[in-house]
Protein backbone atom coordinates (compact mmCIF):
# COMPACT_ATOMS: atom_id res chain seq x y z
CA MET A 1 0.42 295.07 130.53
CA SER A 2 -0.70 293.79 127.46
CA HIS A 3 2.62 293.80 126.02
CA PRO A 4 3.03 290.15 123.81
CA GLU A 5 6.46 289.73 125.22
CA THR A 6 5.77 290.52 128.45
CA SER A 7 1.85 288.90 129.47
CA ASP A 8 -0.39 286.98 127.26
CA TRP A 9 -3.99 289.91 127.83
CA ASN A 10 -4.05 290.30 124.09
CA ALA A 11 -4.05 286.53 124.11
CA ARG A 12 -6.94 285.75 127.19
CA VAL A 13 -9.21 288.61 126.34
CA GLY A 14 -9.13 288.00 122.02
CA TYR A 15 -7.42 290.72 120.78
CA ASP A 16 -5.16 291.03 117.98
CA PHE A 17 -4.52 294.91 116.81
CA GLU A 18 -7.51 294.29 114.66
CA LYS A 19 -7.25 297.68 113.87
CA PHE A 20 -10.32 298.39 110.93
CA ASP A 21 -12.86 295.80 113.04
CA PRO A 22 -14.37 295.91 116.16
CA VAL A 23 -14.50 292.44 116.52
CA GLY A 24 -10.80 292.62 118.56
CA PHE A 25 -12.44 295.70 120.71
CA GLU A 26 -15.73 293.70 121.45
CA HIS A 27 -13.26 290.64 122.30
CA ASN A 28 -11.61 293.23 124.98
CA ARG A 29 -14.25 295.12 126.09
CA ARG A 30 -16.41 292.04 126.99
CA GLU A 31 -13.56 289.93 128.62
CA ARG A 32 -11.27 292.55 130.51
CA VAL A 33 -12.80 292.85 133.73
CA PRO A 34 -12.97 289.14 134.43
CA VAL A 35 -9.26 288.79 132.73
CA TYR A 36 -7.76 290.91 134.58
CA ARG A 37 -10.17 289.85 138.54
CA ASP A 38 -8.91 285.85 137.99
CA GLY A 39 -5.53 287.10 136.97
CA LYS A 40 -4.47 290.39 138.65
CA SER A 41 -1.08 290.69 140.25
CA LYS A 42 0.18 288.49 137.80
CA TYR A 43 -0.96 291.73 135.29
CA ASP A 44 -0.09 293.98 137.87
CA ASP A 45 3.51 292.56 138.64
CA ALA A 46 4.21 292.39 134.78
CA LEU A 47 2.72 295.67 134.34
CA ARG A 48 5.51 296.73 137.21
CA GLY A 49 8.00 294.98 135.76
CA GLU A 50 7.96 296.36 132.56
CA ILE A 51 7.28 300.46 134.24
CA ASP A 52 10.99 299.33 135.92
CA ASN A 53 12.50 298.23 133.23
CA VAL A 54 11.68 301.49 131.08
CA ALA A 55 12.42 303.44 134.06
CA ALA A 56 16.50 301.59 134.60
CA TRP A 57 16.57 302.17 130.56
CA SER A 58 16.41 305.97 131.36
CA ARG A 59 18.30 306.00 133.86
CA ALA A 60 21.24 304.32 132.06
CA SER A 61 20.69 306.18 128.93
CA GLY A 62 20.98 309.53 130.09
CA LYS A 63 17.49 309.87 128.53
CA PRO A 64 14.22 311.33 129.62
CA LEU A 65 11.40 308.73 129.80
CA VAL A 66 8.12 310.13 128.12
CA THR A 67 5.21 308.29 127.47
CA THR A 68 2.51 309.15 124.73
CA GLU A 69 -0.05 306.29 126.12
CA CYS A 70 -0.31 304.44 129.16
CA TRP A 71 1.09 302.27 131.10
CA SER A 72 -1.76 299.35 130.16
CA VAL A 73 -4.10 298.08 127.19
CA VAL A 74 -3.35 300.37 124.14
CA ASP A 75 -5.47 301.17 121.29
CA TYR A 76 -8.16 301.47 123.80
CA LYS A 77 -11.92 302.64 122.15
CA ASP A 78 -13.20 305.73 124.59
CA TRP A 79 -16.20 305.19 122.78
CA PRO A 80 -19.63 306.50 123.95
CA GLY A 81 -21.50 304.16 126.20
CA LEU A 82 -18.66 302.42 128.00
CA ASP A 83 -19.21 300.87 131.38
CA TRP A 84 -17.37 303.59 133.25
CA GLY A 85 -17.67 302.57 136.83
CA GLY A 86 -19.95 299.54 137.17
CA SER A 87 -17.64 297.35 136.77
CA LYS A 88 -15.20 296.53 139.90
CA ILE A 89 -12.03 295.12 139.83
């Protein structure tokens, strides 16, 4: 969903992998709901397409598909005080 080759998510929410500066996280936190809501089918399709691509690779290569993070936005901060249910998408 957030891979730059398959989606404009990071550009839309203002995230640029700022590892030691919370500015990108703040942009992502603030903008994620309206950006996702406005482009839900586009982002869902991008996510499904990427899952299909890696699943096809796994079948073709005979190697297992293993994920260590999620299939969506990576480098997401699980910080206290986040909205874990008030934002309805």
